[in-house]
Protein backbone atom coordinates (compact mmCIF):
# COMPACT_ATOMS: atom_id res chain seq x y z
CA UNK A 1 111.85 -68.86 -101.28
CA UNK A 2 113.82 -71.63 -102.51
CA UNK A 3 117.95 -71.62 -102.58
CA UNK A 4 120.21 -74.15 -103.70
CA UNK A 5 121.69 -74.11 -100.00
CA UNK A 6 117.98 -75.32 -98.66
CA UNK A 7 116.71 -77.00 -101.55
CA UNK A 8 119.66 -78.43 -103.47
CA UNK A 9 119.78 -82.20 -102.86
CA UNK A 10 117.34 -84.54 -104.55
CA UNK A 11 116.38 -85.87 -100.78
CA UNK A 12 115.21 -81.53 -100.02
CA UNK A 13 113.27 -81.47 -103.27
CA UNK A 14 111.37 -84.59 -102.37
CA UNK A 15 110.45 -83.17 -98.75
CA UNK A 16 109.56 -80.23 -100.38
CA UNK A 17 107.47 -82.12 -102.64
CA UNK A 18 105.81 -84.26 -99.86
CA UNK A 19 105.46 -80.99 -97.78
CA UNK A 20 103.84 -79.41 -100.49
CA UNK A 21 101.62 -82.01 -101.49
CA UNK A 22 100.65 -81.76 -97.90
CA UNK A 23 99.60 -78.12 -97.44
CA UNK A 24 97.37 -78.75 -100.84
CA UNK A 25 95.50 -81.12 -98.77
CA UNK A 26 94.26 -77.50 -96.79
CA UNK A 27 93.85 -75.73 -100.20
CA UNK A 28 97.02 -74.06 -100.03
CA UNK A 29 99.11 -73.53 -103.02
CA UNK A 30 102.92 -73.37 -103.44
CA UNK A 31 104.40 -70.92 -105.11
CA UNK A 32 108.37 -71.24 -105.21
CA UNK A 33 111.32 -68.54 -106.51
CA UNK A 34 114.36 -68.62 -106.63
CA UNK A 35 116.43 -65.72 -104.10
CA UNK A 36 117.98 -64.30 -107.64
CA UNK A 37 113.78 -64.01 -108.79
CA UNK A 38 113.11 -62.30 -105.96
CA UNK A 39 115.76 -59.47 -105.88
CA UNK A 40 116.38 -59.24 -109.62
CA UNK A 41 112.99 -59.09 -110.73
CA UNK A 42 110.48 -58.56 -107.76
CA UNK A 43 108.01 -56.63 -109.56
CA UNK A 44 107.11 -59.94 -111.90
CA UNK A 45 107.27 -61.82 -108.83
CA UNK A 46 104.83 -59.84 -107.63
CA UNK A 47 102.59 -60.06 -110.19
CA UNK A 48 102.87 -63.83 -111.00
CA UNK A 49 101.81 -64.31 -107.27
CA UNK A 50 99.07 -61.47 -107.53
CA UNK A 51 97.38 -63.47 -111.01
CA UNK A 52 97.59 -66.88 -109.07
CA UNK A 53 95.53 -65.26 -106.24
CA UNK A 54 93.03 -63.74 -108.54
CA UNK A 55 92.31 -66.76 -110.24
CA UNK A 56 92.00 -69.09 -107.42
CA UNK A 57 89.78 -66.18 -105.84
CA UNK A 58 87.31 -66.77 -109.18
CA UNK A 59 87.77 -70.46 -108.87
CA UNK A 60 86.24 -70.16 -105.09
CA UNK A 61 83.61 -67.80 -106.18
CA UNK A 62 81.93 -69.36 -108.36
CA UNK A 63 84.01 -69.84 -111.28
CA UNK A 64 84.12 -73.40 -110.93
CA UNK A 65 82.48 -76.09 -112.71
CA UNK A 66 79.56 -77.13 -110.50
């Protein structure tokens, strides 16, 4: 969950980008949601997370180009 208090400055955003790139090398994907979106539209956030999860599973199970 992202919020201006923790991710508002340029340096903080740069640190987030570097961390996201690092975890991506281990196969993780970062999904960022603001506090406002998570509290106002949690079901929409849940659907987006499930859609990304489903697509990544499809790729891992052989849907990727070989």
